[in-house]
Structure formats: structure tokens, C-alpha cells
Amino acid sequence: MAIVAGTDTTSAALPASPLDSTAYTLTGASTGTVGTALTLSLVANVDGPENDTVVTLSDGSVGGKFSAATVTLPAGSTVAQTVTYTPAAAGTVTISATNTGGLTNPDSLSITVSAAATSA
């Protein structure tokens, strides 16, 4: 061990400690069709949240259906969590997400929904 001015100059630096997530992302298709499920993906950034974090999804009460209205981002994980959303009407749907873990919420996801094709 070499000590120079009170500092050990031969020891290797300790590895950086894991950093907790500060935010998460919400991704999915930007277009869809009435009655056809779309997959949405939520992923925590950095090394995942410090604690399990519940994310609540909303379509602004336009009548679509989520396979689950809430998704849990597990503590210490950046594995994508998925849920499906099935739009109920044509038009533009805005999907928003809020969370219980104090993470920065992602921008809302805007989806342009087309009417289902009709058979003649």
C-alpha cells in the first residue's frame, strides 16, 4: 500500500453502487384499430426503483379496456412490464401513467385509432 498525502494510491476504486430509478418509460404503437389489442410497455430507468412501484394507466375515460389497470415495476428491476389496451372507439386516445413510487411520469402516449373494417 502506498500512502501519499494521506491517500491510498494503490487500492482499486470501489465499484459504483447501484442507482435507483428516477423515471420510467411508456411505449406502444401510435396507431391501432377499434377492438384490436395493442401492447404497452413500461420500463424503469437506471437500476430499477428502490421499492416496488405501482403504475396506474388511464385512457381519460374514453371506454377502452386495459388487460390490467395497474402494473408493478419491481424493486431493482428494469425488465419491461407489459399490458394490453383495446380501444373502443375511433379517434385519438391519450394513455397516461401515474405511479406510487415518486418516479417522474413519462409523457402521455397518443394513439390514432381507426374504425374496424366492415365486411360487405
PDB file of N, CA and C in Angstrom:
ATOM      1  N   MET A   1       0.854  -1.161   0.000  1.00  0.00           N
ATOM      2  CA  MET A   1       0.000   0.000   0.000  1.00  0.00           C
ATOM      3  C   MET A   1       0.898   1.222   0.000  1.00  0.00           C
ATOM      4  N   ALA A   2       0.611   2.150  -0.888  1.00  0.00           N
ATOM      5  CA  ALA A   2       1.360   3.402  -0.929  1.00  0.00           C
ATOM      6  C   ALA A   2       0.448   4.526  -0.471  1.00  0.00           C
ATOM      7  N   ILE A   3       0.927   5.261   0.528  1.00  0.00           N
ATOM      8  CA  ILE A   3       0.148   6.378   1.058  1.00  0.00           C
ATOM      9  C   ILE A   3       0.854   7.667   0.645  1.00  0.00           C
ATOM     10  N   VAL A   4       0.129   8.512  -0.058  1.00  0.00           N
ATOM     11  CA  VAL A   4       0.657   9.801  -0.475  1.00  0.00           C
ATOM     12  C   VAL A   4      -0.293  10.863   0.042  1.00  0.00           C
ATOM     13  N   ALA A   5       0.231  11.750   0.874  1.00  0.00           N
ATOM     14  CA  ALA A   5      -0.564  12.834   1.454  1.00  0.00           C
ATOM     15  C   ALA A   5      -1.854  12.297   2.077  1.00  0.00           C
ATOM     16  N   GLY A   6      -1.759  11.164   2.775  1.00  0.00           N
ATOM     17  CA  GLY A   6      -2.901  10.599   3.469  1.00  0.00           C
ATOM     18  C   GLY A   6      -3.870   9.824   2.594  1.00  0.00           C
ATOM     19  N   THR A   7      -3.537   9.607   1.311  1.00  0.00           N
ATOM     20  CA  THR A   7      -4.420   8.894   0.400  1.00  0.00           C
ATOM     21  C   THR A   7      -3.755   7.617  -0.080  1.00  0.00           C
ATOM     22  N   ASP A   8      -4.498   6.520  -0.047  1.00  0.00           N
ATOM     23  CA  ASP A   8      -4.013   5.239  -0.550  1.00  0.00           C
ATOM     24  C   ASP A   8      -4.044   5.308  -2.075  1.00  0.00           C
ATOM     25  N   THR A   9      -2.887   5.306  -2.718  1.00  0.00           N
ATOM     26  CA  THR A   9      -2.812   5.457  -4.177  1.00  0.00           C
ATOM     27  C   THR A   9      -2.740   4.130  -4.916  1.00  0.00           C
ATOM     28  N   THR A  10      -2.777   3.012  -4.197  1.00  0.00           N
ATOM     29  CA  THR A  10      -2.660   1.716  -4.879  1.00  0.00           C
ATOM     30  C   THR A  10      -3.957   0.913  -4.882  1.00  0.00           C
ATOM     31  N   SER A  11      -4.914   1.251  -4.056  1.00  0.00           N
ATOM     32  CA  SER A  11      -6.158   0.480  -3.980  1.00  0.00           C
ATOM     33  C   SER A  11      -7.035   0.777  -5.189  1.00  0.00           C
ATOM     34  N   ALA A  12      -7.671  -0.270  -5.672  1.00  0.00           N
ATOM     35  CA  ALA A  12      -8.613  -0.097  -6.782  1.00  0.00           C
ATOM     36  C   ALA A  12      -9.858   0.617  -6.272  1.00  0.00           C
ATOM     37  N   ALA A  13     -10.450   1.390  -7.117  1.00  0.00           N
ATOM     38  CA  ALA A  13     -11.668   2.099  -6.750  1.00  0.00           C
ATOM     39  C   ALA A  13     -12.789   1.099  -6.520  1.00  0.00           C
ATOM     40  N   LEU A  14     -13.634   1.396  -5.583  1.00  0.00           N
ATOM     41  CA  LEU A  14     -14.785   0.550  -5.342  1.00  0.00           C
ATOM     42  C   LEU A  14     -15.755   0.692  -6.507  1.00  0.00           C
ATOM     43  N   PRO A  15     -16.463  -0.381  -6.831  1.00  0.00           N
ATOM     44  CA  PRO A  15     -17.435  -0.266  -7.921  1.00  0.00           C
ATOM     45  C   PRO A  15     -18.541   0.710  -7.532  1.00  0.00           C
ATOM     46  N   ALA A  16     -19.091   1.354  -8.527  1.00  0.00           N
ATOM     47  CA  ALA A  16     -20.176   2.291  -8.272  1.00  0.00           C
ATOM     48  C   ALA A  16     -21.366   1.526  -7.708  1.00  0.00           C
ATOM     49  N   SER A  17     -22.015   2.124  -6.730  1.00  0.00           N
ATOM     50  CA  SER A  17     -23.191   1.458  -6.180  1.00  0.00           C
ATOM     51  C   SER A  17     -24.360   1.650  -7.134  1.00  0.00           C
ATOM     52  N   PRO A  18     -25.328   0.729  -7.085  1.00  0.00           N
ATOM     53  CA  PRO A  18     -26.467   0.837  -8.000  1.00  0.00           C
ATOM     54  C   PRO A  18     -27.224   2.141  -7.764  1.00  0.00           C
ATOM     55  N   LEU A  19     -27.761   2.673  -8.814  1.00  0.00           N
ATOM     56  CA  LEU A  19     -28.558   3.889  -8.726  1.00  0.00           C
ATOM     57  C   LEU A  19     -30.021   3.515  -8.895  1.00  0.00           C
ATOM     58  N   ASP A  20     -30.856   4.101  -8.077  1.00  0.00           N
ATOM     59  CA  ASP A  20     -32.284   3.825  -8.186  1.00  0.00           C
ATOM     60  C   ASP A  20     -32.876   4.613  -9.344  1.00  0.00           C
ATOM     61  N   SER A  21     -33.968   4.092  -9.874  1.00  0.00           N
ATOM     62  CA  SER A  21     -34.676   4.766 -10.965  1.00  0.00           C
ATOM     63  C   SER A  21     -35.183   6.119 -10.501  1.00  0.00           C
ATOM     64  N   THR A  22     -35.214   7.028 -11.445  1.00  0.00           N
ATOM     65  CA  THR A  22     -35.824   8.333 -11.206  1.00  0.00           C
ATOM     66  C   THR A  22     -37.044   8.518 -12.100  1.00  0.00           C
ATOM     67  N   ALA A  23     -37.198   7.638 -13.085  1.00  0.00           N
ATOM     68  CA  ALA A  23     -38.284   7.757 -14.058  1.00  0.00           C
ATOM     69  C   ALA A  23     -38.540   6.394 -14.689  1.00  0.00           C
ATOM     70  N   TYR A  24     -39.525   6.358 -15.562  1.00  0.00           N
ATOM     71  CA  TYR A  24     -39.827   5.151 -16.324  1.00  0.00           C
ATOM     72  C   TYR A  24     -40.405   5.576 -17.663  1.00  0.00           C
ATOM     73  N   THR A  25     -40.424   4.643 -18.610  1.00  0.00           N
ATOM     74  CA  THR A  25     -40.952   4.952 -19.938  1.00  0.00           C
ATOM     75  C   THR A  25     -42.246   4.192 -20.177  1.00  0.00           C
ATOM     76  N   LEU A  26     -43.063   4.765 -21.047  1.00  0.00           N
ATOM     77  CA  LEU A  26     -44.294   4.144 -21.521  1.00  0.00           C
ATOM     78  C   LEU A  26     -44.214   4.155 -23.036  1.00  0.00           C
ATOM     79  N   THR A  27     -44.219   2.980 -23.642  1.00  0.00           N
ATOM     80  CA  THR A  27     -44.144   2.902 -25.102  1.00  0.00           C
ATOM     81  C   THR A  27     -45.225   1.980 -25.637  1.00  0.00           C
ATOM     82  N   GLY A  28     -45.539   2.189 -26.905  1.00  0.00           N
ATOM     83  CA  GLY A  28     -46.528   1.362 -27.574  1.00  0.00           C
ATOM     84  C   GLY A  28     -46.764   1.912 -28.967  1.00  0.00           C
ATOM     85  N   ALA A  29     -47.633   1.256 -29.699  1.00  0.00           N
ATOM     86  CA  ALA A  29     -47.939   1.669 -31.071  1.00  0.00           C
ATOM     87  C   ALA A  29     -48.613   3.042 -31.073  1.00  0.00           C
ATOM     88  N   SER A  30     -48.387   3.782 -32.140  1.00  0.00           N
ATOM     89  CA  SER A  30     -49.026   5.100 -32.269  1.00  0.00           C
ATOM     90  C   SER A  30     -50.316   5.028 -33.071  1.00  0.00           C
ATOM     91  N   THR A  31     -50.602   3.858 -33.646  1.00  0.00           N
ATOM     92  CA  THR A  31     -51.856   3.652 -34.381  1.00  0.00           C
ATOM     93  C   THR A  31     -52.467   2.326 -33.963  1.00  0.00           C
ATOM     94  N   GLY A  32     -53.782   2.235 -34.100  1.00  0.00           N
ATOM     95  CA  GLY A  32     -54.464   1.000 -33.754  1.00  0.00           C
ATOM     96  C   GLY A  32     -55.824   0.951 -34.412  1.00  0.00           C
ATOM     97  N   THR A  33     -56.550  -0.125 -34.148  1.00  0.00           N
ATOM     98  CA  THR A  33     -57.877  -0.348 -34.719  1.00  0.00           C
ATOM     99  C   THR A  33     -58.843  -0.670 -33.585  1.00  0.00           C
ATOM    100  N   VAL A  34     -60.041  -0.130 -33.663  1.00  0.00           N
ATOM    101  CA  VAL A  34     -61.068  -0.406 -32.662  1.00  0.00           C
ATOM    102  C   VAL A  34     -61.201  -1.922 -32.478  1.00  0.00           C
ATOM    103  N   GLY A  35     -61.198  -2.354 -31.219  1.00  0.00           N
ATOM    104  CA  GLY A  35     -61.395  -3.766 -30.905  1.00  0.00           C
ATOM    105  C   GLY A  35     -60.163  -4.644 -30.997  1.00  0.00           C
ATOM    106  N   THR A  36     -59.040  -4.091 -31.414  1.00  0.00           N
ATOM    107  CA  THR A  36     -57.801  -4.869 -31.530  1.00  0.00           C
ATOM    108  C   THR A  36     -56.815  -4.430 -30.452  1.00  0.00           C
ATOM    109  N   ALA A  37     -56.366  -5.381 -29.638  1.00  0.00           N
ATOM    110  CA  ALA A  37     -55.468  -5.070 -28.523  1.00  0.00           C
ATOM    111  C   ALA A  37     -54.106  -4.575 -29.002  1.00  0.00           C
ATOM    112  N   LEU A  38     -53.589  -3.587 -28.288  1.00  0.00           N
ATOM    113  CA  LEU A  38     -52.240  -3.041 -28.508  1.00  0.00           C
ATOM    114  C   LEU A  38     -51.415  -3.342 -27.264  1.00  0.00           C
ATOM    115  N   THR A  39     -50.142  -3.653 -27.441  1.00  0.00           N
ATOM    116  CA  THR A  39     -49.276  -3.905 -26.289  1.00  0.00           C
ATOM    117  C   THR A  39     -48.570  -2.620 -25.874  1.00  0.00           C
ATOM    118  N   LEU A  40     -48.664  -2.316 -24.577  1.00  0.00           N
ATOM    119  CA  LEU A  40     -47.965  -1.182 -23.986  1.00  0.00           C
ATOM    120  C   LEU A  40     -46.850  -1.737 -23.109  1.00  0.00           C
ATOM    121  N   SER A  41     -45.730  -1.047 -23.078  1.00  0.00           N
ATOM    122  CA  SER A  41     -44.583  -1.500 -22.311  1.00  0.00           C
ATOM    123  C   SER A  41     -44.135  -0.401 -21.350  1.00  0.00           C
ATOM    124  N   LEU A  42     -43.860  -0.776 -20.108  1.00  0.00           N
ATOM    125  CA  LEU A  42     -43.367   0.152 -19.089  1.00  0.00           C
ATOM    126  C   LEU A  42     -42.028  -0.360 -18.591  1.00  0.00           C
ATOM    127  N   VAL A  43     -41.023   0.522 -18.553  1.00  0.00           N
ATOM    128  CA  VAL A  43     -39.675   0.124 -18.138  1.00  0.00           C
ATOM    129  C   VAL A  43     -39.087   1.215 -17.245  1.00  0.00           C
ATOM    130  N   ALA A  44     -38.599   0.816 -16.080  1.00  0.00           N
ATOM    131  CA  ALA A  44     -37.912   1.746 -15.186  1.00  0.00           C
ATOM    132  C   ALA A  44     -36.516   2.024 -15.724  1.00  0.00           C
ATOM    133  N   ASN A  45     -36.022   3.243 -15.499  1.00  0.00           N
ATOM    134  CA  ASN A  45     -34.674   3.576 -15.959  1.00  0.00           C
ATOM    135  C   ASN A  45     -33.619   3.170 -14.913  1.00  0.00           C
ATOM    136  N   VAL A  46     -32.386   3.397 -15.214  1.00  0.00           N
ATOM    137  CA  VAL A  46     -31.209   3.149 -14.370  1.00  0.00           C
ATOM    138  C   VAL A  46     -31.213   1.703 -13.868  1.00  0.00           C
ATOM    139  N   ASP A  47     -31.306   1.477 -12.558  1.00  0.00           N
ATOM    140  CA  ASP A  47     -31.251   0.128 -11.992  1.00  0.00           C
ATOM    141  C   ASP A  47     -32.583  -0.317 -11.406  1.00  0.00           C
ATOM    142  N   GLY A  48     -33.660   0.327 -11.784  1.00  0.00           N
ATOM    143  CA  GLY A  48     -34.975  -0.017 -11.266  1.00  0.00           C
ATOM    144  C   GLY A  48     -35.308   0.781 -10.025  1.00  0.00           C
ATOM    145  N   PRO A  49     -36.585   0.802  -9.661  1.00  0.00           N
ATOM    146  CA  PRO A  49     -36.994   1.579  -8.488  1.00  0.00           C
ATOM    147  C   PRO A  49     -36.468   0.973  -7.191  1.00  0.00           C
ATOM    148  N   GLU A  50     -36.343   1.812  -6.173  1.00  0.00           N
ATOM    149  CA  GLU A  50     -35.870   1.338  -4.871  1.00  0.00           C
ATOM    150  C   GLU A  50     -36.866   0.351  -4.259  1.00  0.00           C
ATOM    151  N   ASN A  51     -38.149   0.615  -4.446  1.00  0.00           N
ATOM    152  CA  ASN A  51     -39.222  -0.239  -3.920  1.00  0.00           C
ATOM    153  C   ASN A  51     -40.171  -0.598  -5.058  1.00  0.00           C
ATOM    154  N   ASP A  52     -40.956  -1.663  -4.870  1.00  0.00           N
ATOM    155  CA  ASP A  52     -41.995  -1.962  -5.850  1.00  0.00           C
ATOM    156  C   ASP A  52     -42.822  -0.698  -6.068  1.00  0.00           C
ATOM    157  N   THR A  53     -43.077  -0.376  -7.329  1.00  0.00           N
ATOM    158  CA  THR A  53     -43.794   0.844  -7.673  1.00  0.00           C
ATOM    159  C   THR A  53     -44.993   0.482  -8.542  1.00  0.00           C
ATOM    160  N   VAL A  54     -46.178   0.900  -8.106  1.00  0.00           N
ATOM    161  CA  VAL A  54     -47.402   0.611  -8.843  1.00  0.00           C
ATOM    162  C   VAL A  54     -47.683   1.764  -9.800  1.00  0.00           C
ATOM    163  N   VAL A  55     -47.877   1.406 -11.068  1.00  0.00           N
ATOM    164  CA  VAL A  55     -48.204   2.383 -12.113  1.00  0.00           C
ATOM    165  C   VAL A  55     -49.676   2.182 -12.487  1.00  0.00           C
ATOM    166  N   THR A  56     -50.424   3.277 -12.488  1.00  0.00           N
ATOM    167  CA  THR A  56     -51.834   3.243 -12.878  1.00  0.00           C
ATOM    168  C   THR A  56     -51.970   3.871 -14.258  1.00  0.00           C
ATOM    169  N   LEU A  57     -52.634   3.158 -15.151  1.00  0.00           N
ATOM    170  CA  LEU A  57     -52.821   3.620 -16.534  1.00  0.00           C
ATOM    171  C   LEU A  57     -54.233   4.167 -16.721  1.00  0.00           C
ATOM    172  N   SER A  58     -54.362   5.163 -17.597  1.00  0.00           N
ATOM    173  CA  SER A  58     -55.666   5.754 -17.873  1.00  0.00           C
ATOM    174  C   SER A  58     -55.767   6.130 -19.343  1.00  0.00           C
ATOM    175  N   ASP A  59     -56.968   6.006 -19.895  1.00  0.00           N
ATOM    176  CA  ASP A  59     -57.226   6.471 -21.265  1.00  0.00           C
ATOM    177  C   ASP A  59     -58.144   7.692 -21.248  1.00  0.00           C
ATOM    178  N   GLY A  60     -58.245   8.339 -20.084  1.00  0.00           N
ATOM    179  CA  GLY A  60     -59.085   9.527 -19.971  1.00  0.00           C
ATOM    180  C   GLY A  60     -60.567   9.201 -20.016  1.00  0.00           C
ATOM    181  N   SER A  61     -60.927   7.995 -19.660  1.00  0.00           N
ATOM    182  CA  SER A  61     -62.325   7.550 -19.617  1.00  0.00           C
ATOM    183  C   SER A  61     -63.005   7.533 -20.981  1.00  0.00           C
ATOM    184  N   VAL A  62     -62.254   7.162 -22.026  1.00  0.00           N
ATOM    185  CA  VAL A  62     -62.869   7.071 -23.362  1.00  0.00           C
ATOM    186  C   VAL A  62     -63.411   5.674 -23.659  1.00  0.00           C
ATOM    187  N   GLY A  63     -63.341   4.770 -22.692  1.00  0.00           N
ATOM    188  CA  GLY A  63     -64.023   3.488 -22.845  1.00  0.00           C
ATOM    189  C   GLY A  63     -63.198   2.309 -23.279  1.00  0.00           C
ATOM    190  N   GLY A  64     -61.904   2.498 -23.521  1.00  0.00           N
ATOM    191  CA  GLY A  64     -61.066   1.353 -23.877  1.00  0.00           C
ATOM    192  C   GLY A  64     -60.829   0.465 -22.671  1.00  0.00           C
ATOM    193  N   LYS A  65     -60.250  -0.702 -22.914  1.00  0.00           N
ATOM    194  CA  LYS A  65     -60.008  -1.663 -21.839  1.00  0.00           C
ATOM    195  C   LYS A  65     -58.529  -2.021 -21.742  1.00  0.00           C
ATOM    196  N   PHE A  66     -57.990  -1.938 -20.520  1.00  0.00           N
ATOM    197  CA  PHE A  66     -56.641  -2.406 -20.231  1.00  0.00           C
ATOM    198  C   PHE A  66     -56.736  -3.839 -19.727  1.00  0.00           C
ATOM    199  N   SER A  67     -55.755  -4.678 -20.055  1.00  0.00           N
ATOM    200  CA  SER A  67     -55.746  -6.035 -19.507  1.00  0.00           C
ATOM    201  C   SER A  67     -55.546  -5.991 -17.994  1.00  0.00           C
ATOM    202  N   ALA A  68     -54.884  -4.968 -17.519  1.00  0.00           N
ATOM    203  CA  ALA A  68     -54.739  -4.684 -16.088  1.00  0.00           C
ATOM    204  C   ALA A  68     -54.635  -3.162 -15.960  1.00  0.00           C
ATOM    205  N   ALA A  69     -55.398  -2.577 -15.048  1.00  0.00           N
ATOM    206  CA  ALA A  69     -55.388  -1.118 -14.885  1.00  0.00           C
ATOM    207  C   ALA A  69     -54.129  -0.638 -14.172  1.00  0.00           C
ATOM    208  N   THR A  70     -53.462  -1.551 -13.452  1.00  0.00           N
ATOM    209  CA  THR A  70     -52.206  -1.201 -12.787  1.00  0.00           C
ATOM    210  C   THR A  70     -51.133  -2.216 -13.161  1.00  0.00           C
ATOM    211  N   VAL A  71     -49.893  -1.746 -13.115  1.00  0.00           N
ATOM    212  CA  VAL A  71     -48.725  -2.582 -13.409  1.00  0.00           C
ATOM    213  C   VAL A  71     -47.703  -2.287 -12.319  1.00  0.00           C
ATOM    214  N   THR A  72     -47.025  -3.313 -11.815  1.00  0.00           N
ATOM    215  CA  THR A  72     -45.994  -3.103 -10.799  1.00  0.00           C
ATOM    216  C   THR A  72     -44.615  -3.173 -11.431  1.00  0.00           C
ATOM    217  N   LEU A  73     -43.832  -2.111 -11.208  1.00  0.00           N
ATOM    218  CA  LEU A  73     -42.418  -2.114 -11.585  1.00  0.00           C
ATOM    219  C   LEU A  73     -41.678  -2.645 -10.361  1.00  0.00           C
ATOM    220  N   PRO A  74     -41.107  -3.856 -10.453  1.00  0.00           N
ATOM    221  CA  PRO A  74     -40.462  -4.457  -9.278  1.00  0.00           C
ATOM    222  C   PRO A  74     -39.207  -3.699  -8.836  1.00  0.00           C
ATOM    223  N   ALA A  75     -38.978  -3.695  -7.537  1.00  0.00           N
ATOM    224  CA  ALA A  75     -37.779  -3.064  -6.983  1.00  0.00           C
ATOM    225  C   ALA A  75     -36.533  -3.654  -7.631  1.00  0.00           C
ATOM    226  N   GLY A  76     -35.604  -2.784  -8.026  1.00  0.00           N
ATOM    227  CA  GLY A  76     -34.325  -3.232  -8.569  1.00  0.00           C
ATOM    228  C   GLY A  76     -34.388  -3.863  -9.937  1.00  0.00           C
ATOM    229  N   SER A  77     -35.475  -3.674 -10.662  1.00  0.00           N
ATOM    230  CA  SER A  77     -35.616  -4.327 -11.970  1.00  0.00           C
ATOM    231  C   SER A  77     -35.872  -3.319 -13.089  1.00  0.00           C
ATOM    232  N   THR A  78     -35.252  -3.593 -14.227  1.00  0.00           N
ATOM    233  CA  THR A  78     -35.529  -2.800 -15.433  1.00  0.00           C
ATOM    234  C   THR A  78     -36.150  -3.689 -16.513  1.00  0.00           C
ATOM    235  N   VAL A  79     -36.712  -4.813 -16.100  1.00  0.00           N
ATOM    236  CA  VAL A  79     -37.394  -5.707 -17.034  1.00  0.00           C
ATOM    237  C   VAL A  79     -38.711  -5.050 -17.448  1.00  0.00           C
ATOM    238  N   ALA A  80     -38.995  -5.055 -18.737  1.00  0.00           N
ATOM    239  CA  ALA A  80     -40.229  -4.450 -19.248  1.00  0.00           C
ATOM    240  C   ALA A  80     -41.449  -5.157 -18.681  1.00  0.00           C
ATOM    241  N   GLN A  81     -42.410  -4.375 -18.251  1.00  0.00           N
ATOM    242  CA  GLN A  81     -43.705  -4.879 -17.806  1.00  0.00           C
ATOM    243  C   GLN A  81     -44.701  -4.513 -18.900  1.00  0.00           C
ATOM    244  N   THR A  82     -45.508  -5.470 -19.326  1.00  0.00           N
ATOM    245  CA  THR A  82     -46.414  -5.202 -20.439  1.00  0.00           C
ATOM    246  C   THR A  82     -47.874  -5.359 -20.019  1.00  0.00           C
ATOM    247  N   VAL A  83     -48.711  -4.639 -20.735  1.00  0.00           N
ATOM    248  CA  VAL A  83     -50.154  -4.685 -20.548  1.00  0.00           C
ATOM    249  C   VAL A  83     -50.755  -4.418 -21.924  1.00  0.00           C
ATOM    250  N   THR A  84     -51.952  -4.910 -22.164  1.00  0.00           N
ATOM    251  CA  THR A  84     -52.583  -4.596 -23.450  1.00  0.00           C
ATOM    252  C   THR A  84     -53.688  -3.569 -23.233  1.00  0.00           C
ATOM    253  N   TYR A  85     -53.948  -2.826 -24.287  1.00  0.00           N
ATOM    254  CA  TYR A  85     -55.029  -1.838 -24.296  1.00  0.00           C
ATOM    255  C   TYR A  85     -55.841  -2.073 -25.567  1.00  0.00           C
ATOM    256  N   THR A  86     -57.150  -2.190 -25.410  1.00  0.00           N
ATOM    257  CA  THR A  86     -58.038  -2.392 -26.546  1.00  0.00           C
ATOM    258  C   THR A  86     -58.929  -1.166 -26.691  1.00  0.00           C
ATOM    259  N   PRO A  87     -58.700  -0.368 -27.751  1.00  0.00           N
ATOM    260  CA  PRO A  87     -59.505   0.844 -27.935  1.00  0.00           C
ATOM    261  C   PRO A  87     -60.953   0.511 -28.273  1.00  0.00           C
ATOM    262  N   ALA A  88     -61.885   1.365 -27.804  1.00  0.00           N
ATOM    263  CA  ALA A  88     -63.311   1.119 -28.001  1.00  0.00           C
ATOM    264  C   ALA A  88     -63.917   1.966 -29.115  1.00  0.00           C
ATOM    265  N   ALA A  89     -63.248   3.050 -29.488  1.00  0.00           N
ATOM    266  CA  ALA A  89     -63.829   3.944 -30.494  1.00  0.00           C
ATOM    267  C   ALA A  89     -62.726   4.564 -31.342  1.00  0.00           C
ATOM    268  N   ALA A  90     -63.093   4.933 -32.567  1.00  0.00           N
ATOM    269  CA  ALA A  90     -62.137   5.601 -33.458  1.00  0.00           C
ATOM    270  C   ALA A  90     -61.861   7.010 -32.941  1.00  0.00           C
ATOM    271  N   GLY A  91     -60.690   7.511 -33.286  1.00  0.00           N
ATOM    272  CA  GLY A  91     -60.278   8.857 -32.862  1.00  0.00           C
ATOM    273  C   GLY A  91     -58.899   8.799 -32.241  1.00  0.00           C
ATOM    274  N   THR A  92     -58.560   9.816 -31.503  1.00  0.00           N
ATOM    275  CA  THR A  92     -57.261   9.863 -30.830  1.00  0.00           C
ATOM    276  C   THR A  92     -57.450   9.543 -29.357  1.00  0.00           C
ATOM    277  N   VAL A  93     -56.671   8.593 -28.864  1.00  0.00           N
ATOM    278  CA  VAL A  93     -56.707   8.194 -27.461  1.00  0.00           C
ATOM    279  C   VAL A  93     -55.376   8.602 -26.837  1.00  0.00           C
ATOM    280  N   THR A  94     -55.450   9.156 -25.642  1.00  0.00           N
ATOM    281  CA  THR A  94     -54.238   9.523 -24.917  1.00  0.00           C
ATOM    282  C   THR A  94     -54.125   8.627 -23.688  1.00  0.00           C
ATOM    283  N   ILE A  95     -53.064   7.850 -23.636  1.00  0.00           N
ATOM    284  CA  ILE A  95     -52.791   6.965 -22.500  1.00  0.00           C
ATOM    285  C   ILE A  95     -51.814   7.691 -21.576  1.00  0.00           C
ATOM    286  N   SER A  96     -52.189   7.809 -20.314  1.00  0.00           N
ATOM    287  CA  SER A  96     -51.298   8.438 -19.337  1.00  0.00           C
ATOM    288  C   SER A  96     -50.988   7.445 -18.223  1.00  0.00           C
ATOM    289  N   ALA A  97     -49.912   7.725 -17.492  1.00  0.00           N
ATOM    290  CA  ALA A  97     -49.473   6.839 -16.412  1.00  0.00           C
ATOM    291  C   ALA A  97     -49.054   7.667 -15.207  1.00  0.00           C
ATOM    292  N   THR A  98     -49.456   7.212 -14.019  1.00  0.00           N
ATOM    293  CA  THR A  98     -49.014   7.817 -12.762  1.00  0.00           C
ATOM    294  C   THR A  98     -48.491   6.690 -11.876  1.00  0.00           C
ATOM    295  N   ASN A  99     -47.676   7.034 -10.869  1.00  0.00           N
ATOM    296  CA  ASN A  99     -47.063   5.981 -10.056  1.00  0.00           C
ATOM    297  C   ASN A  99     -47.033   6.326  -8.577  1.00  0.00           C
ATOM    298  N   THR A 100     -46.836   5.288  -7.761  1.00  0.00           N
ATOM    299  CA  THR A 100     -46.807   5.440  -6.302  1.00  0.00           C
ATOM    300  C   THR A 100     -45.396   5.588  -5.747  1.00  0.00           C
ATOM    301  N   GLY A 101     -44.383   5.518  -6.613  1.00  0.00           N
ATOM    302  CA  GLY A 101     -43.004   5.488  -6.120  1.00  0.00           C
ATOM    303  C   GLY A 101     -42.247   6.792  -6.220  1.00  0.00           C
ATOM    304  N   GLY A 102     -42.921   7.874  -6.586  1.00  0.00           N
ATOM    305  CA  GLY A 102     -42.235   9.154  -6.692  1.00  0.00           C
ATOM    306  C   GLY A 102     -41.361   9.287  -7.920  1.00  0.00           C
ATOM    307  N   LEU A 103     -41.513   8.372  -8.890  1.00  0.00           N
ATOM    308  CA  LEU A 103     -40.745   8.467 -10.132  1.00  0.00           C
ATOM    309  C   LEU A 103     -41.365   9.535 -11.027  1.00  0.00           C
ATOM    310  N   THR A 104     -40.561  10.100 -11.905  1.00  0.00           N
ATOM    311  CA  THR A 104     -41.080  11.038 -12.893  1.00  0.00           C
ATOM    312  C   THR A 104     -41.918  10.253 -13.887  1.00  0.00           C
ATOM    313  N   ASN A 105     -43.170  10.693 -14.073  1.00  0.00           N
ATOM    314  CA  ASN A 105     -44.054  10.006 -15.013  1.00  0.00           C
ATOM    315  C   ASN A 105     -43.637  10.298 -16.446  1.00  0.00           C
ATOM    316  N   PRO A 106     -43.857   9.347 -17.342  1.00  0.00           N
ATOM    317  CA  PRO A 106     -43.490   9.563 -18.755  1.00  0.00           C
ATOM    318  C   PRO A 106     -44.504  10.483 -19.433  1.00  0.00           C
ATOM    319  N   ASP A 107     -44.121  10.966 -20.617  1.00  0.00           N
ATOM    320  CA  ASP A 107     -45.071  11.682 -21.450  1.00  0.00           C
ATOM    321  C   ASP A 107     -46.210  10.735 -21.800  1.00  0.00           C
ATOM    322  N   SER A 108     -47.393  11.311 -21.999  1.00  0.00           N
ATOM    323  CA  SER A 108     -48.535  10.503 -22.415  1.00  0.00           C
ATOM    324  C   SER A 108     -48.282   9.926 -23.801  1.00  0.00           C
ATOM    325  N   LEU A 109     -48.938   8.810 -24.091  1.00  0.00           N
ATOM    326  CA  LEU A 109     -48.827   8.135 -25.377  1.00  0.00           C
ATOM    327  C   LEU A 109     -50.093   8.419 -26.167  1.00  0.00           C
ATOM    328  N   SER A 110     -49.940   8.989 -27.339  1.00  0.00           N
ATOM    329  CA  SER A 110     -51.083   9.308 -28.191  1.00  0.00           C
ATOM    330  C   SER A 110     -51.237   8.221 -29.244  1.00  0.00           C
ATOM    331  N   ILE A 111     -52.463   7.686 -29.359  1.00  0.00           N
ATOM    332  CA  ILE A 111     -52.738   6.613 -30.310  1.00  0.00           C
ATOM    333  C   ILE A 111     -53.877   7.049 -31.226  1.00  0.00           C
ATOM    334  N   THR A 112     -53.635   6.985 -32.529  1.00  0.00           N
ATOM    335  CA  THR A 112     -54.675   7.267 -33.510  1.00  0.00           C
ATOM    336  C   THR A 112     -55.379   5.953 -33.820  1.00  0.00           C
ATOM    337  N   VAL A 113     -56.676   5.904 -33.496  1.00  0.00           N
ATOM    338  CA  VAL A 113     -57.438   4.672 -33.642  1.00  0.00           C
ATOM    339  C   VAL A 113     -58.374   4.768 -34.842  1.00  0.00           C
ATOM    340  N   SER A 114     -58.302   3.761 -35.712  1.00  0.00           N
ATOM    341  CA  SER A 114     -59.189   3.672 -36.891  1.00  0.00           C
ATOM    342  C   SER A 114     -60.352   2.745 -36.585  1.00  0.00           C
ATOM    343  N   ALA A 115     -61.441   2.969 -37.290  1.00  0.00           N
ATOM    344  CA  ALA A 115     -62.594   2.090 -37.156  1.00  0.00           C
ATOM    345  C   ALA A 115     -62.236   0.713 -37.699  1.00  0.00           C
ATOM    346  N   ALA A 116     -62.844  -0.298 -37.151  1.00  0.00           N
ATOM    347  CA  ALA A 116     -62.622  -1.649 -37.655  1.00  0.00           C
ATOM    348  C   ALA A 116     -63.223  -1.767 -39.053  1.00  0.00           C
ATOM    349  N   ALA A 117     -62.588  -2.537 -39.899  1.00  0.00           N
ATOM    350  CA  ALA A 117     -63.089  -2.754 -41.258  1.00  0.00           C
ATOM    351  C   ALA A 117     -64.402  -3.525 -41.202  1.00  0.00           C
ATOM    352  N   THR A 118     -65.309  -3.140 -42.049  1.00  0.00           N
ATOM    353  CA  THR A 118     -66.587  -3.859 -42.097  1.00  0.00           C
ATOM    354  C   THR A 118     -66.590  -4.750 -43.330  1.00  0.00           C
ATOM    355  N   SER A 119     -67.228  -5.891 -43.194  1.00  0.00           N
ATOM    356  CA  SER A 119     -67.290  -6.787 -44.354  1.00  0.00           C
ATOM    357  C   SER A 119     -68.559  -6.493 -45.155  1.00  0.00           C
ATOM    358  N   ALA A 120     -68.453  -6.612 -46.441  1.00  0.00           N
ATOM    359  CA  ALA A 120     -69.572  -6.295 -47.322  1.00  0.00           C
ATOM    360  C   ALA A 120     -70.520  -7.443 -47.470  1.00  0.00           C
TER     361      ALA A 120
END
